[in-house]
Protein backbone atom coordinates (compact mmCIF):
# COMPACT_ATOMS: atom_id res chain seq x y z
CA MET A 1 122.02 162.08 158.11
CA ASN A 2 120.21 160.05 154.88
CA LEU A 3 116.54 160.00 155.82
CA ALA A 4 115.89 156.94 153.70
CA LEU A 5 117.69 155.06 155.44
CA LYS A 6 117.04 156.21 159.32
CA ASP A 7 113.27 155.36 157.49
CA ILE A 8 113.82 151.63 156.66
CA GLN A 9 115.39 151.25 160.42
CA HIS A 10 112.08 152.64 161.85
CA ASN A 11 110.42 150.11 159.66
CA LEU A 12 112.67 147.91 159.07
CA GLY A 13 110.83 144.35 159.57
CA ARG A 14 108.46 145.59 157.21
CA PHE A 15 110.93 147.17 154.38
CA VAL A 16 112.38 143.56 154.99
CA LEU A 17 109.76 141.13 154.43
CA THR A 18 109.09 143.72 151.29
CA THR A 19 111.95 143.28 149.43
CA ILE A 20 111.90 139.24 150.26
CA GLY A 21 108.30 139.74 148.39
CA VAL A 22 109.82 141.85 145.31
CA GLY A 23 112.95 139.01 144.90
CA MET A 24 110.88 135.86 144.99
CA LEU A 25 109.08 137.38 141.78
CA LEU A 26 111.88 139.14 140.45
CA MET A 27 113.25 135.08 140.54
CA VAL A 28 110.18 134.13 138.97
CA VAL A 29 111.33 136.80 135.88
CA MET A 30 114.44 135.44 135.94
CA GLY A 31 112.91 131.52 136.10
CA MET A 32 111.24 132.41 132.93
CA ALA A 33 114.48 133.56 130.74
CA GLY A 34 115.80 130.96 132.34
CA ILE A 35 113.28 127.98 131.27
CA TYR A 36 112.99 129.88 127.94
CA ARG A 37 117.56 130.03 127.38
CA GLY A 38 117.28 126.26 128.38
CA VAL A 39 114.42 125.25 125.70
CA VAL A 40 116.65 127.14 123.26
CA GLU A 41 119.60 124.91 124.27
CA ASP A 42 118.29 121.70 124.43
CA ALA A 43 115.83 121.98 121.35
CA THR A 44 119.88 122.32 119.45
CA LEU A 45 122.18 120.62 122.35
CA LEU A 46 122.23 117.31 119.98
CA ILE A 47 122.56 119.54 116.58
CA ASP A 48 125.40 121.32 118.09
CA ARG A 49 127.04 118.50 119.69
CA ILE A 50 126.99 115.99 116.98
CA GLY A 51 128.33 118.73 114.66
CA ALA A 52 126.43 116.80 111.42
CA ASP A 53 126.92 118.90 108.49
CA LEU A 54 124.12 117.33 106.42
CA TRP A 55 120.77 115.68 107.16
CA ILE A 56 119.67 113.12 105.40
CA VAL A 57 115.85 112.31 106.20
CA GLN A 58 112.95 110.77 104.92
CA HIS A 59 111.30 112.41 101.63
CA ASP A 60 109.21 115.47 102.41
CA THR A 61 110.24 115.68 106.11
CA ARG A 62 111.48 117.49 108.53
CA GLY A 63 113.76 115.56 109.65
CA PRO A 64 114.08 113.37 113.48
CA PHE A 65 113.76 115.96 115.84
CA ALA A 66 110.30 117.64 114.09
CA GLU A 67 108.81 114.60 112.82
CA VAL A 68 109.05 111.19 112.18
CA SER A 69 111.78 110.10 109.89
CA ARG A 70 112.17 106.25 108.16
CA VAL A 71 115.20 105.81 105.62
CA PRO A 72 117.38 102.90 104.85
CA THR A 73 120.26 102.19 106.89
CA SER A 74 121.79 101.23 102.50
CA LEU A 75 121.53 104.79 102.26
CA VAL A 76 124.84 104.74 105.09
CA HIS A 77 126.78 103.73 102.32
CA ARG A 78 125.05 105.32 98.80
CA ALA A 79 125.58 108.81 101.59
CA ARG A 80 129.52 107.75 101.63
CA ALA A 81 129.78 107.54 97.94
CA VAL A 82 129.19 111.24 97.52
CA PRO A 83 132.20 113.11 96.22
CA GLY A 84 133.16 115.24 99.20
CA VAL A 85 131.52 113.17 101.72
CA THR A 86 133.85 112.33 104.44
CA ASP A 87 131.72 110.26 106.55
CA SER A 88 128.39 108.99 107.40
CA ARG A 89 126.53 107.48 110.57
CA GLU A 90 123.37 106.26 111.15
CA PHE A 91 121.14 108.16 113.57
CA VAL A 92 117.79 106.59 115.58
CA TYR A 93 116.48 108.46 117.98
CA HIS A 94 112.95 108.12 119.80
CA THR A 95 111.20 108.76 123.01
CA ILE A 96 109.94 105.93 125.16
CA GLN A 97 108.35 105.61 128.28
CA ARG A 98 108.53 102.60 131.30
CA GLU A 99 107.51 102.50 135.02
CA ARG A 100 110.97 102.06 137.12
CA GLU A 101 110.48 101.89 140.87
CA GLY A 102 106.65 102.56 140.20
CA LYS A 103 107.16 105.83 138.68
CA PRO A 104 106.66 107.26 135.12
CA PHE A 105 110.58 106.93 133.52
CA ARG A 106 110.62 108.03 130.26
CA LEU A 107 114.19 108.99 128.22
CA ALA A 108 115.11 109.78 124.71
CA VAL A 109 116.47 106.73 123.23
CA LEU A 110 119.43 107.93 120.68
CA GLY A 111 121.43 105.29 118.92
CA LEU A 112 125.17 105.74 118.07
CA SER A 113 126.71 104.30 114.73
CA TRP A 114 128.48 101.86 116.17
CA PRO A 115 132.35 101.54 115.75
CA ASP A 116 132.64 104.22 114.22
CA ASP A 117 130.38 106.09 117.13
CA LYS A 118 130.81 104.82 121.21
CA GLY A 119 130.02 107.93 122.09
CA ASN A 120 133.55 109.90 122.95
CA TRP A 121 131.86 113.07 122.23
CA ILE A 122 129.73 112.82 125.02
CA PRO A 123 130.68 114.99 127.88
CA LEU A 124 131.12 112.05 130.64
CA VAL A 125 131.17 112.91 134.49
CA ALA A 126 131.43 109.43 135.59
CA GLY A 127 132.24 105.39 133.39
CA ARG A 128 133.98 105.13 129.98
CA PRO A 129 132.36 105.20 126.49
CA LEU A 130 130.60 102.39 124.80
CA ALA A 131 132.86 99.19 124.67
CA GLN A 132 130.39 96.35 122.89
CA ASN A 133 128.00 96.43 119.97
CA HIS A 134 124.97 95.26 122.48
CA PHE A 135 124.39 95.55 126.37
CA GLU A 136 125.31 99.07 127.27
CA MET A 137 124.16 102.48 128.03
CA ILE A 138 125.67 105.75 128.68
CA ALA A 139 122.91 107.82 130.20
CA ASP A 140 121.79 111.60 131.38
CA VAL A 141 122.38 111.95 134.92
CA SER A 142 118.42 113.29 135.48
CA LEU A 143 117.24 110.03 134.54
CA GLY A 144 118.11 109.14 137.86
CA VAL A 145 119.72 105.99 137.06
CA ARG A 146 122.92 104.48 138.76
CA LEU A 147 126.81 104.03 137.24
CA GLY A 148 126.45 99.58 137.17
CA GLU A 149 122.50 99.73 136.92
CA ARG A 150 120.98 97.42 134.93
CA LEU A 151 117.99 98.28 133.26
CA THR A 152 115.87 95.83 131.57
CA LEU A 153 114.29 97.56 128.32
CA GLY A 154 112.26 95.70 125.73
CA LYS A 155 113.54 91.63 125.66
CA GLU A 156 117.12 92.66 126.83
CA THR A 157 118.45 94.09 130.19
CA TYR A 158 121.35 97.00 129.56
CA ARG A 159 124.48 98.45 131.57
CA VAL A 160 125.05 101.73 132.27
CA VAL A 161 128.91 102.55 131.60
CA GLY A 162 128.08 106.02 131.40
CA ILE A 163 126.76 108.90 133.06
CA THR A 164 126.87 112.46 131.55
CA ARG A 165 125.37 115.66 132.36
CA ASN A 166 123.05 118.45 130.65
CA MET A 167 122.17 115.78 127.55
CA ILE A 168 118.09 117.03 126.98
CA GLY A 169 115.95 116.08 124.16
CA SER A 170 113.65 118.35 123.19
CA GLY A 171 110.60 117.36 125.27
CA GLY A 172 112.98 117.97 128.71
CA ASP A 173 113.64 113.88 128.80
CA GLY A 174 117.06 112.76 129.46
CA ILE A 175 118.74 111.22 126.86
CA ALA A 176 120.10 107.53 127.08
CA PHE A 177 122.75 106.73 124.52
CA PHE A 178 122.69 103.21 123.39
CA THR A 179 124.20 101.98 120.28
CA ALA A 180 122.00 101.79 116.43
CA ALA A 181 121.23 98.28 116.99
CA ASP A 182 119.83 98.21 120.06
CA ALA A 183 117.93 102.01 120.08
CA GLU A 184 116.05 99.82 117.22
CA ALA A 185 115.62 96.51 119.41
CA ILE A 186 114.24 98.76 122.24
CA GLN A 187 111.97 100.44 119.50
CA PHE A 188 110.13 97.71 117.60
CA ASP A 189 110.13 95.43 120.37
CA ALA A 190 107.00 92.90 120.43
CA SER A 191 105.97 91.11 122.85
CA GLY A 192 106.37 86.71 122.80
CA GLU A 193 102.91 86.09 121.20
CA ALA A 194 102.32 89.12 119.06
CA VAL A 195 105.34 87.89 116.90
CA ARG A 196 103.56 84.85 116.83
CA LEU A 197 100.35 85.95 115.40
CA GLU A 198 102.43 87.48 112.44
CA ARG A 199 104.17 84.26 112.35
CA SER A 200 100.76 82.70 111.50
CA ALA A 201 99.73 85.39 109.47
CA ARG A 202 102.48 85.42 107.31
CA THR A 203 101.81 81.33 107.08
CA ASN A 204 98.57 81.63 106.43
CA ARG A 205 98.99 84.10 103.60
CA GLY A 206 101.42 82.41 101.89
CA LEU A 207 99.20 79.60 101.75
CA ARG A 208 96.76 81.39 99.94
CA SER A 209 99.25 82.16 97.45
CA GLU A 210 99.66 80.22 94.06
CA LEU A 211 103.73 80.90 94.85
CA VAL A 212 103.31 78.31 97.39
CA THR A 213 101.53 76.25 95.38
CA LYS A 214 104.54 75.62 93.12
CA GLN A 215 107.39 76.08 95.12
CA PRO A 216 105.83 73.96 98.68
CA ALA A 217 109.24 74.63 100.71
CA LEU A 218 108.20 78.18 101.06
CA ILE A 219 106.08 77.61 103.43
CA GLU A 220 108.67 76.49 106.10
CA GLN A 221 110.25 80.02 105.70
CA ALA A 222 107.63 81.72 107.29
CA SER A 223 108.39 80.47 111.19
CA LYS A 224 111.90 82.02 110.35
CA PRO A 225 112.13 85.57 112.57
CA SER A 226 111.72 88.80 110.08
CA GLY A 227 115.38 89.25 110.13
CA GLU A 228 116.28 86.05 108.25
CA LEU A 229 113.99 86.23 105.25
CA PRO A 230 115.19 87.93 102.35
CA ALA A 231 112.88 89.99 101.70
CA ILE A 232 111.74 91.82 104.49
CA ALA A 233 113.94 94.57 104.53
CA ARG A 234 115.79 95.54 107.85
CA LEU A 235 114.87 97.81 110.79
CA GLN A 236 114.77 101.46 109.46
CA ILE A 237 116.94 104.02 111.00
CA SER A 238 115.49 107.75 111.41
CA ALA A 239 117.90 109.42 109.30
CA VAL A 240 121.62 109.47 108.20
CA MET A 241 124.63 112.10 109.20
CA VAL A 242 126.55 113.49 107.03
CA ARG A 243 130.14 115.26 107.18
CA VAL A 244 131.84 116.86 104.69
CA ALA A 245 135.41 117.05 103.62
CA HIS A 246 137.00 120.17 104.83
CA GLY A 247 136.93 123.00 102.18
CA THR A 248 134.55 120.97 100.32
CA SER A 249 130.64 123.16 100.04
CA ALA A 250 128.03 121.44 102.25
CA ALA A 251 125.45 123.49 99.49
CA GLN A 252 127.15 121.48 97.05
CA VAL A 253 126.95 118.18 98.15
CA ALA A 254 123.46 118.72 99.40
CA THR A 255 122.56 119.51 96.33
CA THR A 256 123.94 116.57 95.06
CA ILE A 257 122.30 114.05 97.27
CA SER A 258 118.79 116.33 96.77
CA GLY A 259 118.58 114.96 93.23
CA TRP A 260 117.85 111.13 94.94
CA SER A 261 113.86 111.81 95.35
CA ASP A 262 113.40 109.28 98.03
CA VAL A 263 114.74 111.55 100.18
CA SER A 264 115.45 115.02 102.06
CA VAL A 265 118.77 116.91 102.85
CA HIS A 266 118.34 119.41 105.40
CA THR A 267 121.83 121.26 106.33
CA ARG A 268 122.69 121.27 110.66
CA GLU A 269 121.08 125.33 110.75
CA GLU A 270 118.30 123.97 109.02
CA GLN A 271 117.42 121.68 111.45
CA ALA A 272 117.88 124.10 114.15
CA GLU A 273 115.51 126.00 112.31
CA PHE A 274 112.97 123.35 112.26
CA LEU A 275 112.81 122.76 115.73
CA LEU A 276 112.74 126.71 116.87
CA LYS A 277 109.82 127.14 114.60
CA GLY A 278 108.29 124.12 114.94
CA SER A 279 107.74 122.23 117.89
CA VAL A 280 109.54 124.73 120.41
CA ASP A 281 108.07 127.78 118.55
CA LYS A 282 104.78 127.60 121.14
CA ALA A 283 106.51 127.10 123.59
CA ARG A 284 109.06 130.37 123.51
CA ARG A 285 106.77 132.92 122.49
CA GLN A 286 104.77 131.54 125.69
CA LEU A 287 107.72 131.33 128.09
CA GLY A 288 108.83 135.09 126.29
CA LEU A 289 105.24 136.88 127.02
CA PHE A 290 105.07 135.26 130.53
CA ARG A 291 108.26 137.21 131.22
CA VAL A 292 106.99 139.87 129.59
CA LEU A 293 103.80 139.86 131.77
CA LEU A 294 106.01 139.91 134.90
CA THR A 295 107.70 142.06 134.65
CA LEU A 296 104.50 144.81 134.29
CA ILE A 297 103.38 142.68 137.28
CA ALA A 298 106.83 143.18 139.09
CA ALA A 299 106.49 146.84 137.80
CA ILE A 300 103.20 147.33 139.62
CA ILE A 301 103.51 145.95 142.79
CA MET A 302 106.62 147.72 143.45
CA ALA A 303 105.05 151.56 142.13
CA LEU A 304 102.27 150.50 144.56
CA ILE A 305 103.89 149.73 147.49
CA LEU A 306 105.95 153.01 147.00
CA TYR A 307 103.40 154.63 146.95
CA THR A 308 102.00 153.30 150.09
CA LEU A 309 105.06 154.23 151.78
CA THR A 310 104.73 157.70 150.79
CA LEU A 311 100.97 157.88 152.35
CA GLU A 312 102.37 156.71 155.40
CA LYS A 313 104.41 159.27 155.59
CA ILE A 314 102.73 161.92 154.31
CA HIS A 315 103.01 163.47 157.92
CA SER A 316 106.59 163.15 158.18
CA ILE A 317 107.28 165.35 154.63
CA ALA A 318 105.16 167.96 155.72
CA LEU A 319 107.14 168.44 158.53
CA LEU A 320 110.23 167.84 156.42
CA GLN A 321 108.71 170.68 154.31
CA LEU A 322 107.70 173.29 157.60
CA ILE A 323 111.37 173.16 159.08
CA GLY A 324 112.45 174.30 155.55
CA ALA A 325 113.78 171.17 154.10
CA ARG A 326 114.54 170.93 149.96
CA LYS A 327 112.25 169.31 147.96
CA PRO A 328 115.47 167.22 146.57
CA VAL A 329 115.61 165.54 149.98
CA ILE A 330 112.56 165.01 150.24
CA LEU A 331 112.41 163.21 146.67
CA GLY A 332 116.26 161.84 147.24
CA LEU A 333 114.00 159.71 150.06
CA ILE A 334 111.97 158.05 148.31
CA LEU A 335 114.22 157.47 144.75
CA GLN A 336 116.61 155.78 147.44
CA GLN A 337 113.78 153.26 148.53
CA ALA A 338 112.86 152.20 145.70
CA LEU A 339 116.30 151.46 144.76
CA LEU A 340 117.01 149.95 147.62
CA LEU A 341 114.14 148.11 147.19
CA GLY A 342 114.74 146.84 143.87
CA PHE A 343 118.49 145.96 143.89
CA GLY A 344 117.66 144.54 147.13
CA GLY A 345 114.82 142.42 146.17
CA TYR A 346 117.72 141.80 143.37
CA ALA A 347 119.98 140.54 145.24
CA ILE A 348 117.19 138.33 146.84
CA ALA A 349 116.34 136.97 143.63
CA TYR A 350 119.78 135.93 142.43
CA LEU A 351 120.63 134.00 145.93
CA LEU A 352 117.41 132.27 145.88
CA GLY A 353 117.63 131.38 142.46
CA GLN A 354 120.96 129.37 142.61
CA GLN A 355 119.12 127.14 145.39
CA MET A 356 116.27 126.49 143.67
CA PHE A 357 116.24 126.74 139.38
CA PRO A 358 118.83 122.79 139.80
CA LEU A 359 115.64 121.76 141.30
CA PHE A 360 112.78 122.64 138.64
CA PRO A 361 111.86 119.40 136.44
CA ARG A 362 113.43 121.80 133.13
CA ARG A 363 117.50 122.90 132.60
CA VAL A 364 117.07 126.35 133.76
CA ILE A 365 119.74 128.58 132.18
CA VAL A 366 120.98 131.76 133.66
CA THR A 367 123.28 134.06 131.82
CA GLY A 368 125.34 136.90 132.37
CA ASP A 369 123.62 138.49 129.51
CA ASP A 370 120.51 137.99 131.50
CA LEU A 371 121.30 139.33 134.84
CA LEU A 372 122.86 142.55 133.20
CA GLN A 373 119.77 142.84 131.27
CA LEU A 374 117.90 142.13 134.28
CA ALA A 375 119.84 144.41 136.30
CA VAL A 376 118.61 147.70 134.24
CA ILE A 377 114.98 146.73 133.95
CA VAL A 378 115.23 146.54 138.03
CA LEU A 379 116.93 149.71 137.45
CA ALA A 380 114.20 151.33 135.16
CA ILE A 381 111.53 150.06 137.19
CA SER A 382 112.89 151.47 140.71
CA VAL A 383 113.01 155.23 139.71
CA ALA A 384 110.12 154.46 137.04
CA SER A 385 108.02 153.11 140.48
CA SER A 386 109.06 155.96 142.61
CA ILE A 387 107.58 158.63 140.32
CA LEU A 388 103.88 158.01 141.52
CA GLY A 389 105.39 158.19 145.53
CA ILE A 390 107.19 161.76 143.59
CA TRP A 391 104.51 162.74 142.12
CA LYS A 392 102.10 162.32 145.67
CA ALA A 393 105.16 163.69 147.96
CA LEU A 394 105.22 166.79 146.23
CA LEU A 395 101.03 167.77 146.41
CA VAL A 396 101.61 167.54 150.72
CA GLN A 397 101.62 171.03 151.64
CA PRO A 398 103.35 172.24 154.46
CA ASN A 399 100.41 173.01 156.68
CA GLU A 400 98.83 169.47 156.60
CA ALA A 401 102.02 169.51 159.46
CA LEU A 402 99.58 170.63 161.92
CA GLY A 403 96.66 169.00 161.28
């Protein structure tokens, strides 16, 4: 006869409710670990998926994921001319917030270097990659858009031709993929009145210029769009991605490019490090601290629960000693209940997590290693928390059964 199971059957309702409570607490611990991994995964997702060996960014900056970076488009061709470089592509990345169906609509905009990059590397769950230079987009499923839906961003309307999954920016926003030209048009969009005022200001500055006095025909150019004026540079991009030829040292190519005084160059590993030790570092540390605190709280709560259950069985434990029950039998009663409580709660935490974690606003990634680690922690907590109940059981005297 197993005394632990008999005692649980005698107080089944209370034990089940207690186990559910412990399970929900362990689910939060499990979720914290998953959110932590999700933050790290989202932060380095694009860097890993794009697969660039080097990132050329604005001088003395840490790249487009850590801070604002602006470099000229011509840098793509300069990088391609460096010995050892097989491919160089423009990279445009920024976050926007609009309103959709009466709710805030945030998305990370990523520009693909058309026509070299049509998004074939993006894992699609529906649709196709980009097929033309303008007015098409690929969206992450977390944005809630539908295949074939048309979205108006700026002055243009874009059709969703592909749906991807788990393509999330470092800020937790779903990524929408456009061509680089469309991404720049969205980023630098200006209202018609703002364009008119800029052209008017340009004309006024020209009228005050001595050059216009000598060449009056120049003032006619002021009313043209900025992109048609030769003196005004094209819109700038965020960075240039470089791939190094097989067998060529990326460090050697980086040394060559770092000699250019107008840019900085970073490896893929450095970009990931800038993210993990920069914009997401505080979030990672805070989540880690919460996980430790929740684990300690779970241990304290389980210890108090087992201590309370032991106090309620003081008379029964004394009676067992009075009839000659050995101490290992009594101690096994408490330890077995602690293990059943802990691993019952662990099973509930896992089952609830499978249903709840996909509903979280940020991605929750629970790996097999995390589950094994939590199982070991639950085992340690169950054994440690039973010590308080065992200590109290050892103090019980047989004559208390006669009181």
